[in-house]
Amino acid sequence: MATDYDAPRVKEEDQPTDSLEGLKAQQRGGAMTAVIDVEESDAIDGFDLPGADLSGEELLIKVVPAQADEFTCMSCFLVRHRSQVAREKNGDKYCVDCEG
């Protein structure tokens, strides 16, 4: 059997198989449905309510103070390497990103 390669191809997805009422029902149902993407590990411990008492919690990371070759930018308050100092005014240092 010969195949006509010039004929337009119609996919099943492109053919309207649903009625107008069915499409309207899908739109109404979709607008009212909310999906929350939550990992299983976040399901129990991941949600903290505003104003929750966190006084019994422990810090899980080690905080390292600023080193001798670092400074804190007085604009963005990030700790940067001294090579990123763009300006120093009255003892306050500003990084190249903030002064850019």
PDB file of N, CA and C in Angstrom:
ATOM      1  N   MET A   1       0.838  -1.170   0.000  1.00  0.00           N
ATOM      2  CA  MET A   1       0.000   0.000   0.000  1.00  0.00           C
ATOM      3  C   MET A   1       0.890   1.243   0.000  1.00  0.00           C
ATOM      4  N   ALA A   2       0.584   2.205  -0.818  1.00  0.00           N
ATOM      5  CA  ALA A   2       1.364   3.431  -0.931  1.00  0.00           C
ATOM      6  C   ALA A   2       0.978   4.399   0.186  1.00  0.00           C
ATOM      7  N   THR A   3       1.977   5.151   0.674  1.00  0.00           N
ATOM      8  CA  THR A   3       1.744   6.128   1.741  1.00  0.00           C
ATOM      9  C   THR A   3       1.884   7.525   1.172  1.00  0.00           C
ATOM     10  N   ASP A   4       0.921   8.363   1.431  1.00  0.00           N
ATOM     11  CA  ASP A   4       0.972   9.749   0.976  1.00  0.00           C
ATOM     12  C   ASP A   4       1.625  10.582   2.071  1.00  0.00           C
ATOM     13  N   TYR A   5       2.892  10.926   1.889  1.00  0.00           N
ATOM     14  CA  TYR A   5       3.632  11.666   2.904  1.00  0.00           C
ATOM     15  C   TYR A   5       3.262  13.150   2.938  1.00  0.00           C
ATOM     16  N   ASP A   6       2.586  13.639   1.921  1.00  0.00           N
ATOM     17  CA  ASP A   6       2.192  15.037   1.881  1.00  0.00           C
ATOM     18  C   ASP A   6       0.861  15.297   2.573  1.00  0.00           C
ATOM     19  N   ALA A   7       0.140  14.265   2.929  1.00  0.00           N
ATOM     20  CA  ALA A   7      -1.162  14.434   3.580  1.00  0.00           C
ATOM     21  C   ALA A   7      -0.953  14.925   5.011  1.00  0.00           C
ATOM     22  N   PRO A   8      -1.802  15.868   5.478  1.00  0.00           N
ATOM     23  CA  PRO A   8      -1.664  16.348   6.853  1.00  0.00           C
ATOM     24  C   PRO A   8      -1.930  15.229   7.850  1.00  0.00           C
ATOM     25  N   ARG A   9      -1.124  15.218   8.899  1.00  0.00           N
ATOM     26  CA  ARG A   9      -1.276  14.184   9.923  1.00  0.00           C
ATOM     27  C   ARG A   9      -2.100  14.757  11.068  1.00  0.00           C
ATOM     28  N   VAL A  10      -3.027  13.975  11.540  1.00  0.00           N
ATOM     29  CA  VAL A  10      -3.884  14.395  12.634  1.00  0.00           C
ATOM     30  C   VAL A  10      -3.653  13.457  13.793  1.00  0.00           C
ATOM     31  N   LYS A  11      -3.287  14.033  14.949  1.00  0.00           N
ATOM     32  CA  LYS A  11      -3.065  13.222  16.145  1.00  0.00           C
ATOM     33  C   LYS A  11      -4.373  13.052  16.882  1.00  0.00           C
ATOM     34  N   GLU A  12      -4.451  12.028  17.703  1.00  0.00           N
ATOM     35  CA  GLU A  12      -5.651  11.820  18.506  1.00  0.00           C
ATOM     36  C   GLU A  12      -5.883  12.972  19.468  1.00  0.00           C
ATOM     37  N   GLU A  13      -4.797  13.550  19.990  1.00  0.00           N
ATOM     38  CA  GLU A  13      -4.901  14.638  20.957  1.00  0.00           C
ATOM     39  C   GLU A  13      -5.545  15.871  20.336  1.00  0.00           C
ATOM     40  N   ASP A  14      -5.294  16.071  19.031  1.00  0.00           N
ATOM     41  CA  ASP A  14      -5.784  17.261  18.360  1.00  0.00           C
ATOM     42  C   ASP A  14      -7.272  17.196  18.031  1.00  0.00           C
ATOM     43  N   GLN A  15      -7.835  16.018  17.991  1.00  0.00           N
ATOM     44  CA  GLN A  15      -9.239  15.884  17.636  1.00  0.00           C
ATOM     45  C   GLN A  15     -10.112  16.164  18.851  1.00  0.00           C
ATOM     46  N   PRO A  16     -11.085  17.041  18.687  1.00  0.00           N
ATOM     47  CA  PRO A  16     -11.973  17.344  19.820  1.00  0.00           C
ATOM     48  C   PRO A  16     -12.933  16.190  20.072  1.00  0.00           C
ATOM     49  N   THR A  17     -12.712  15.488  21.174  1.00  0.00           N
ATOM     50  CA  THR A  17     -13.572  14.348  21.502  1.00  0.00           C
ATOM     51  C   THR A  17     -14.530  14.676  22.635  1.00  0.00           C
ATOM     52  N   ASP A  18     -14.235  15.727  23.412  1.00  0.00           N
ATOM     53  CA  ASP A  18     -15.084  16.089  24.540  1.00  0.00           C
ATOM     54  C   ASP A  18     -16.161  17.072  24.104  1.00  0.00           C
ATOM     55  N   SER A  19     -17.259  17.020  24.760  1.00  0.00           N
ATOM     56  CA  SER A  19     -18.333  17.967  24.489  1.00  0.00           C
ATOM     57  C   SER A  19     -18.031  19.295  25.166  1.00  0.00           C
ATOM     58  N   LEU A  20     -18.765  20.327  24.832  1.00  0.00           N
ATOM     59  CA  LEU A  20     -18.585  21.638  25.423  1.00  0.00           C
ATOM     60  C   LEU A  20     -18.854  21.610  26.921  1.00  0.00           C
ATOM     61  N   GLU A  21     -19.850  20.866  27.333  1.00  0.00           N
ATOM     62  CA  GLU A  21     -20.173  20.755  28.755  1.00  0.00           C
ATOM     63  C   GLU A  21     -19.045  20.063  29.516  1.00  0.00           C
ATOM     64  N   GLY A  22     -18.460  19.036  28.908  1.00  0.00           N
ATOM     65  CA  GLY A  22     -17.357  18.317  29.545  1.00  0.00           C
ATOM     66  C   GLY A  22     -16.141  19.206  29.729  1.00  0.00           C
ATOM     67  N   LEU A  23     -15.834  20.041  28.730  1.00  0.00           N
ATOM     68  CA  LEU A  23     -14.699  20.952  28.836  1.00  0.00           C
ATOM     69  C   LEU A  23     -14.932  22.002  29.916  1.00  0.00           C
ATOM     70  N   LYS A  24     -16.162  22.519  30.001  1.00  0.00           N
ATOM     71  CA  LYS A  24     -16.472  23.502  31.033  1.00  0.00           C
ATOM     72  C   LYS A  24     -16.350  22.894  32.424  1.00  0.00           C
ATOM     73  N   ALA A  25     -16.774  21.645  32.577  1.00  0.00           N
ATOM     74  CA  ALA A  25     -16.668  20.975  33.870  1.00  0.00           C
ATOM     75  C   ALA A  25     -15.208  20.773  34.257  1.00  0.00           C
ATOM     76  N   GLN A  26     -14.347  20.472  33.285  1.00  0.00           N
ATOM     77  CA  GLN A  26     -12.921  20.296  33.563  1.00  0.00           C
ATOM     78  C   GLN A  26     -12.298  21.621  34.008  1.00  0.00           C
ATOM     79  N   GLN A  27     -12.690  22.724  33.352  1.00  0.00           N
ATOM     80  CA  GLN A  27     -12.134  24.026  33.709  1.00  0.00           C
ATOM     81  C   GLN A  27     -12.569  24.435  35.111  1.00  0.00           C
ATOM     82  N   ARG A  28     -13.824  24.205  35.452  1.00  0.00           N
ATOM     83  CA  ARG A  28     -14.311  24.557  36.785  1.00  0.00           C
ATOM     84  C   ARG A  28     -13.615  23.719  37.839  1.00  0.00           C
ATOM     85  N   GLY A  29     -13.429  22.443  37.566  1.00  0.00           N
ATOM     86  CA  GLY A  29     -12.767  21.560  38.532  1.00  0.00           C
ATOM     87  C   GLY A  29     -11.300  21.899  38.685  1.00  0.00           C
ATOM     88  N   GLY A  30     -10.645  22.296  37.588  1.00  0.00           N
ATOM     89  CA  GLY A  30      -9.229  22.633  37.629  1.00  0.00           C
ATOM     90  C   GLY A  30      -8.970  23.915  38.385  1.00  0.00           C
ATOM     91  N   ALA A  31      -9.897  24.856  38.308  1.00  0.00           N
ATOM     92  CA  ALA A  31      -9.698  26.123  38.997  1.00  0.00           C
ATOM     93  C   ALA A  31      -9.848  25.963  40.501  1.00  0.00           C
ATOM     94  N   MET A  32     -10.577  24.959  40.932  1.00  0.00           N
ATOM     95  CA  MET A  32     -10.836  24.779  42.351  1.00  0.00           C
ATOM     96  C   MET A  32      -9.863  23.787  42.989  1.00  0.00           C
ATOM     97  N   THR A  33      -9.045  23.147  42.194  1.00  0.00           N
ATOM     98  CA  THR A  33      -8.138  22.138  42.712  1.00  0.00           C
ATOM     99  C   THR A  33      -6.764  22.765  42.954  1.00  0.00           C
ATOM    100  N   ALA A  34      -6.237  22.573  44.140  1.00  0.00           N
ATOM    101  CA  ALA A  34      -4.905  23.067  44.470  1.00  0.00           C
ATOM    102  C   ALA A  34      -3.998  21.873  44.721  1.00  0.00           C
ATOM    103  N   VAL A  35      -2.794  21.935  44.177  1.00  0.00           N
ATOM    104  CA  VAL A  35      -1.824  20.867  44.355  1.00  0.00           C
ATOM    105  C   VAL A  35      -0.619  21.448  45.075  1.00  0.00           C
ATOM    106  N   ILE A  36      -0.222  20.835  46.166  1.00  0.00           N
ATOM    107  CA  ILE A  36       0.944  21.276  46.924  1.00  0.00           C
ATOM    108  C   ILE A  36       2.037  20.240  46.737  1.00  0.00           C
ATOM    109  N   ASP A  37       3.183  20.707  46.262  1.00  0.00           N
ATOM    110  CA  ASP A  37       4.311  19.817  46.034  1.00  0.00           C
ATOM    111  C   ASP A  37       5.145  19.761  47.305  1.00  0.00           C
ATOM    112  N   VAL A  38       4.999  18.691  48.061  1.00  0.00           N
ATOM    113  CA  VAL A  38       5.690  18.551  49.334  1.00  0.00           C
ATOM    114  C   VAL A  38       6.421  17.214  49.345  1.00  0.00           C
ATOM    115  N   GLU A  39       7.672  17.252  49.738  1.00  0.00           N
ATOM    116  CA  GLU A  39       8.420  16.016  49.877  1.00  0.00           C
ATOM    117  C   GLU A  39       8.018  15.335  51.181  1.00  0.00           C
ATOM    118  N   GLU A  40       8.195  14.033  51.234  1.00  0.00           N
ATOM    119  CA  GLU A  40       7.810  13.295  52.436  1.00  0.00           C
ATOM    120  C   GLU A  40       8.584  13.758  53.662  1.00  0.00           C
ATOM    121  N   SER A  41       9.837  14.136  53.478  1.00  0.00           N
ATOM    122  CA  SER A  41      10.641  14.567  54.627  1.00  0.00           C
ATOM    123  C   SER A  41      10.133  15.883  55.199  1.00  0.00           C
ATOM    124  N   ASP A  42       9.464  16.691  54.375  1.00  0.00           N
ATOM    125  CA  ASP A  42       8.937  17.968  54.847  1.00  0.00           C
ATOM    126  C   ASP A  42       7.561  17.829  55.487  1.00  0.00           C
ATOM    127  N   ALA A  43       6.936  16.700  55.331  1.00  0.00           N
ATOM    128  CA  ALA A  43       5.544  16.559  55.757  1.00  0.00           C
ATOM    129  C   ALA A  43       5.359  16.771  57.255  1.00  0.00           C
ATOM    130  N   ILE A  44       6.291  16.333  58.073  1.00  0.00           N
ATOM    131  CA  ILE A  44       6.100  16.418  59.516  1.00  0.00           C
ATOM    132  C   ILE A  44       6.833  17.609  60.114  1.00  0.00           C
ATOM    133  N   ASP A  45       8.123  17.703  59.872  1.00  0.00           N
ATOM    134  CA  ASP A  45       8.946  18.699  60.561  1.00  0.00           C
ATOM    135  C   ASP A  45       9.193  19.961  59.747  1.00  0.00           C
ATOM    136  N   GLY A  46       8.783  20.004  58.502  1.00  0.00           N
ATOM    137  CA  GLY A  46       9.161  21.104  57.629  1.00  0.00           C
ATOM    138  C   GLY A  46       8.349  22.360  57.763  1.00  0.00           C
ATOM    139  N   PHE A  47       7.202  22.330  58.417  1.00  0.00           N
ATOM    140  CA  PHE A  47       6.352  23.507  58.479  1.00  0.00           C
ATOM    141  C   PHE A  47       6.405  24.130  59.875  1.00  0.00           C
ATOM    142  N   ASP A  48       6.889  25.359  59.947  1.00  0.00           N
ATOM    143  CA  ASP A  48       6.913  26.099  61.203  1.00  0.00           C
ATOM    144  C   ASP A  48       5.868  27.193  61.133  1.00  0.00           C
ATOM    145  N   LEU A  49       5.042  27.254  62.120  1.00  0.00           N
ATOM    146  CA  LEU A  49       4.015  28.273  62.163  1.00  0.00           C
ATOM    147  C   LEU A  49       4.615  29.587  62.621  1.00  0.00           C
ATOM    148  N   PRO A  50       4.117  30.710  62.092  1.00  0.00           N
ATOM    149  CA  PRO A  50       4.619  32.010  62.547  1.00  0.00           C
ATOM    150  C   PRO A  50       4.358  32.179  64.039  1.00  0.00           C
ATOM    151  N   GLY A  51       5.348  32.653  64.756  1.00  0.00           N
ATOM    152  CA  GLY A  51       5.207  32.849  66.187  1.00  0.00           C
ATOM    153  C   GLY A  51       5.402  31.581  66.991  1.00  0.00           C
ATOM    154  N   ALA A  52       5.853  30.501  66.346  1.00  0.00           N
ATOM    155  CA  ALA A  52       6.060  29.245  67.058  1.00  0.00           C
ATOM    156  C   ALA A  52       7.241  29.379  68.020  1.00  0.00           C
ATOM    157  N   ASP A  53       7.185  28.669  69.126  1.00  0.00           N
ATOM    158  CA  ASP A  53       8.250  28.703  70.118  1.00  0.00           C
ATOM    159  C   ASP A  53       9.388  27.800  69.658  1.00  0.00           C
ATOM    160  N   LEU A  54      10.498  28.390  69.300  1.00  0.00           N
ATOM    161  CA  LEU A  54      11.656  27.640  68.827  1.00  0.00           C
ATOM    162  C   LEU A  54      12.790  27.663  69.838  1.00  0.00           C
ATOM    163  N   SER A  55      12.498  27.981  71.079  1.00  0.00           N
ATOM    164  CA  SER A  55      13.541  28.096  72.089  1.00  0.00           C
ATOM    165  C   SER A  55      14.195  26.757  72.398  1.00  0.00           C
ATOM    166  N   GLY A  56      13.514  25.641  72.164  1.00  0.00           N
ATOM    167  CA  GLY A  56      14.082  24.332  72.441  1.00  0.00           C
ATOM    168  C   GLY A  56      14.872  23.753  71.279  1.00  0.00           C
ATOM    169  N   GLU A  57      14.926  24.450  70.160  1.00  0.00           N
ATOM    170  CA  GLU A  57      15.632  23.956  68.981  1.00  0.00           C
ATOM    171  C   GLU A  57      17.127  24.208  69.094  1.00  0.00           C
ATOM    172  N   GLU A  58      17.923  23.315  68.534  1.00  0.00           N
ATOM    173  CA  GLU A  58      19.370  23.475  68.516  1.00  0.00           C
ATOM    174  C   GLU A  58      19.821  23.852  67.115  1.00  0.00           C
ATOM    175  N   LEU A  59      20.898  24.627  67.031  1.00  0.00           N
ATOM    176  CA  LEU A  59      21.466  25.011  65.763  1.00  0.00           C
ATOM    177  C   LEU A  59      22.226  23.822  65.187  1.00  0.00           C
ATOM    178  N   LEU A  60      21.938  23.461  63.951  1.00  0.00           N
ATOM    179  CA  LEU A  60      22.540  22.277  63.360  1.00  0.00           C
ATOM    180  C   LEU A  60      23.782  22.574  62.534  1.00  0.00           C
ATOM    181  N   ILE A  61      24.162  23.845  62.416  1.00  0.00           N
ATOM    182  CA  ILE A  61      25.349  24.193  61.642  1.00  0.00           C
ATOM    183  C   ILE A  61      26.370  24.871  62.546  1.00  0.00           C
ATOM    184  N   LYS A  62      27.611  24.825  62.148  1.00  0.00           N
ATOM    185  CA  LYS A  62      28.667  25.464  62.912  1.00  0.00           C
ATOM    186  C   LYS A  62      28.850  26.883  62.390  1.00  0.00           C
ATOM    187  N   VAL A  63      28.770  27.867  63.261  1.00  0.00           N
ATOM    188  CA  VAL A  63      28.927  29.262  62.880  1.00  0.00           C
ATOM    189  C   VAL A  63      30.384  29.640  63.069  1.00  0.00           C
ATOM    190  N   VAL A  64      30.989  30.134  61.987  1.00  0.00           N
ATOM    191  CA  VAL A  64      32.394  30.530  62.012  1.00  0.00           C
ATOM    192  C   VAL A  64      32.442  32.050  61.967  1.00  0.00           C
ATOM    193  N   PRO A  65      33.136  32.686  62.899  1.00  0.00           N
ATOM    194  CA  PRO A  65      33.234  34.151  62.866  1.00  0.00           C
ATOM    195  C   PRO A  65      34.028  34.621  61.650  1.00  0.00           C
ATOM    196  N   ALA A  66      33.863  35.887  61.301  1.00  0.00           N
ATOM    197  CA  ALA A  66      34.574  36.447  60.151  1.00  0.00           C
ATOM    198  C   ALA A  66      36.079  36.323  60.358  1.00  0.00           C
ATOM    199  N   GLN A  67      36.776  35.951  59.314  1.00  0.00           N
ATOM    200  CA  GLN A  67      38.221  35.771  59.363  1.00  0.00           C
ATOM    201  C   GLN A  67      38.919  37.119  59.175  1.00  0.00           C
ATOM    202  N   ALA A  68      40.227  37.107  59.344  1.00  0.00           N
ATOM    203  CA  ALA A  68      41.011  38.345  59.252  1.00  0.00           C
ATOM    204  C   ALA A  68      40.986  38.929  57.842  1.00  0.00           C
ATOM    205  N   ASP A  69      40.821  38.078  56.824  1.00  0.00           N
ATOM    206  CA  ASP A  69      40.815  38.566  55.445  1.00  0.00           C
ATOM    207  C   ASP A  69      39.395  38.769  54.905  1.00  0.00           C
ATOM    208  N   GLU A  70      38.418  38.917  55.789  1.00  0.00           N
ATOM    209  CA  GLU A  70      37.031  39.099  55.387  1.00  0.00           C
ATOM    210  C   GLU A  70      36.474  40.376  56.013  1.00  0.00           C
ATOM    211  N   PHE A  71      35.395  40.880  55.418  1.00  0.00           N
ATOM    212  CA  PHE A  71      34.710  42.051  55.962  1.00  0.00           C
ATOM    213  C   PHE A  71      33.213  41.871  55.738  1.00  0.00           C
ATOM    214  N   THR A  72      32.430  42.641  56.464  1.00  0.00           N
ATOM    215  CA  THR A  72      30.984  42.624  56.298  1.00  0.00           C
ATOM    216  C   THR A  72      30.569  43.900  55.586  1.00  0.00           C
ATOM    217  N   CYS A  73      29.914  43.738  54.444  1.00  0.00           N
ATOM    218  CA  CYS A  73      29.452  44.889  53.675  1.00  0.00           C
ATOM    219  C   CYS A  73      28.351  45.591  54.463  1.00  0.00           C
ATOM    220  N   MET A  74      28.420  46.900  54.568  1.00  0.00           N
ATOM    221  CA  MET A  74      27.439  47.667  55.330  1.00  0.00           C
ATOM    222  C   MET A  74      26.172  47.961  54.527  1.00  0.00           C
ATOM    223  N   SER A  75      26.133  47.522  53.267  1.00  0.00           N
ATOM    224  CA  SER A  75      24.932  47.714  52.462  1.00  0.00           C
ATOM    225  C   SER A  75      24.105  46.429  52.397  1.00  0.00           C
ATOM    226  N   CYS A  76      24.746  45.314  52.021  1.00  0.00           N
ATOM    227  CA  CYS A  76      24.016  44.044  51.897  1.00  0.00           C
ATOM    228  C   CYS A  76      24.227  43.131  53.110  1.00  0.00           C
ATOM    229  N   PHE A  77      25.172  43.474  53.988  1.00  0.00           N
ATOM    230  CA  PHE A  77      25.474  42.742  55.217  1.00  0.00           C
ATOM    231  C   PHE A  77      25.942  41.306  54.967  1.00  0.00           C
ATOM    232  N   LEU A  78      26.558  41.079  53.815  1.00  0.00           N
ATOM    233  CA  LEU A  78      27.159  39.781  53.527  1.00  0.00           C
ATOM    234  C   LEU A  78      28.633  39.824  53.889  1.00  0.00           C
ATOM    235  N   VAL A  79      29.157  38.691  54.323  1.00  0.00           N
ATOM    236  CA  VAL A  79      30.585  38.590  54.624  1.00  0.00           C
ATOM    237  C   VAL A  79      31.308  38.303  53.326  1.00  0.00           C
ATOM    238  N   ARG A  80      32.251  39.178  52.980  1.00  0.00           N
ATOM    239  CA  ARG A  80      32.974  39.084  51.712  1.00  0.00           C
ATOM    240  C   ARG A  80      34.476  39.014  51.960  1.00  0.00           C
ATOM    241  N   HIS A  81      35.224  38.556  50.949  1.00  0.00           N
ATOM    242  CA  HIS A  81      36.682  38.556  50.998  1.00  0.00           C
ATOM    243  C   HIS A  81      37.165  39.990  50.798  1.00  0.00           C
ATOM    244  N   ARG A  82      38.298  40.318  51.398  1.00  0.00           N
ATOM    245  CA  ARG A  82      38.772  41.706  51.344  1.00  0.00           C
ATOM    246  C   ARG A  82      39.090  42.167  49.918  1.00  0.00           C
ATOM    247  N   SER A  83      39.266  41.242  48.990  1.00  0.00           N
ATOM    248  CA  SER A  83      39.520  41.626  47.599  1.00  0.00           C
ATOM    249  C   SER A  83      38.275  42.223  46.941  1.00  0.00           C
ATOM    250  N   GLN A  84      37.111  42.113  47.581  1.00  0.00           N
ATOM    251  CA  GLN A  84      35.867  42.635  47.015  1.00  0.00           C
ATOM    252  C   GLN A  84      35.458  43.979  47.625  1.00  0.00           C
ATOM    253  N   VAL A  85      36.371  44.609  48.350  1.00  0.00           N
ATOM    254  CA  VAL A  85      36.088  45.932  48.911  1.00  0.00           C
ATOM    255  C   VAL A  85      36.111  46.942  47.765  1.00  0.00           C
ATOM    256  N   ALA A  86      35.010  47.678  47.594  1.00  0.00           N
ATOM    257  CA  ALA A  86      34.955  48.706  46.557  1.00  0.00           C
ATOM    258  C   ALA A  86      35.191  50.091  47.144  1.00  0.00           C
ATOM    259  N   ARG A  87      34.702  50.292  48.376  1.00  0.00           N
ATOM    260  CA  ARG A  87      34.802  51.614  48.980  1.00  0.00           C
ATOM    261  C   ARG A  87      34.789  51.470  50.485  1.00  0.00           C
ATOM    262  N   GLU A  88      35.549  52.339  51.151  1.00  0.00           N
ATOM    263  CA  GLU A  88      35.541  52.385  52.612  1.00  0.00           C
ATOM    264  C   GLU A  88      35.279  53.815  53.025  1.00  0.00           C
ATOM    265  N   LYS A  89      34.247  53.999  53.853  1.00  0.00           N
ATOM    266  CA  LYS A  89      33.871  55.347  54.273  1.00  0.00           C
ATOM    267  C   LYS A  89      33.573  55.321  55.767  1.00  0.00           C
ATOM    268  N   ASN A  90      34.284  56.103  56.532  1.00  0.00           N
ATOM    269  CA  ASN A  90      34.124  56.187  57.987  1.00  0.00           C
ATOM    270  C   ASN A  90      34.256  54.823  58.663  1.00  0.00           C
ATOM    271  N   GLY A  91      35.146  53.990  58.159  1.00  0.00           N
ATOM    272  CA  GLY A  91      35.367  52.669  58.741  1.00  0.00           C
ATOM    273  C   GLY A  91      34.390  51.613  58.247  1.00  0.00           C
ATOM    274  N   ASP A  92      33.363  52.011  57.492  1.00  0.00           N
ATOM    275  CA  ASP A  92      32.409  51.059  56.925  1.00  0.00           C
ATOM    276  C   ASP A  92      32.869  50.668  55.534  1.00  0.00           C
ATOM    277  N   LYS A  93      32.838  49.362  55.262  1.00  0.00           N
ATOM    278  CA  LYS A  93      33.280  48.866  53.958  1.00  0.00           C
ATOM    279  C   LYS A  93      32.076  48.430  53.136  1.00  0.00           C
ATOM    280  N   TYR A  94      32.173  48.652  51.823  1.00  0.00           N
ATOM    281  CA  TYR A  94      31.108  48.302  50.886  1.00  0.00           C
ATOM    282  C   TYR A  94      31.685  47.444  49.780  1.00  0.00           C
ATOM    283  N   CYS A  95      30.941  46.405  49.371  1.00  0.00           N
ATOM    284  CA  CYS A  95      31.450  45.458  48.365  1.00  0.00           C
ATOM    285  C   CYS A  95      31.236  45.986  46.941  1.00  0.00           C
ATOM    286  N   VAL A  96      31.900  45.338  46.000  1.00  0.00           N
ATOM    287  CA  VAL A  96      31.814  45.754  44.597  1.00  0.00           C
ATOM    288  C   VAL A  96      30.407  45.534  44.028  1.00  0.00           C
ATOM    289  N   ASP A  97      29.668  44.560  44.522  1.00  0.00           N
ATOM    290  CA  ASP A  97      28.318  44.328  44.028  1.00  0.00           C
ATOM    291  C   ASP A  97      27.380  45.470  44.414  1.00  0.00           C
ATOM    292  N   CYS A  98      27.508  45.979  45.620  1.00  0.00           N
ATOM    293  CA  CYS A  98      26.638  47.071  46.066  1.00  0.00           C
ATOM    294  C   CYS A  98      27.039  48.397  45.440  1.00  0.00           C
ATOM    295  N   GLU A  99      28.308  48.577  45.192  1.00  0.00           N
ATOM    296  CA  GLU A  99      28.801  49.838  44.619  1.00  0.00           C
ATOM    297  C   GLU A  99      28.778  49.816  43.098  1.00  0.00           C
ATOM    298  N   GLY A 100      28.582  48.610  42.501  1.00  0.00           N
ATOM    299  CA  GLY A 100      28.598  48.394  41.061  1.00  0.00           C
ATOM    300  C   GLY A 100      27.822  49.367  40.325  1.00  0.00           C
TER     301      GLY A 100
END
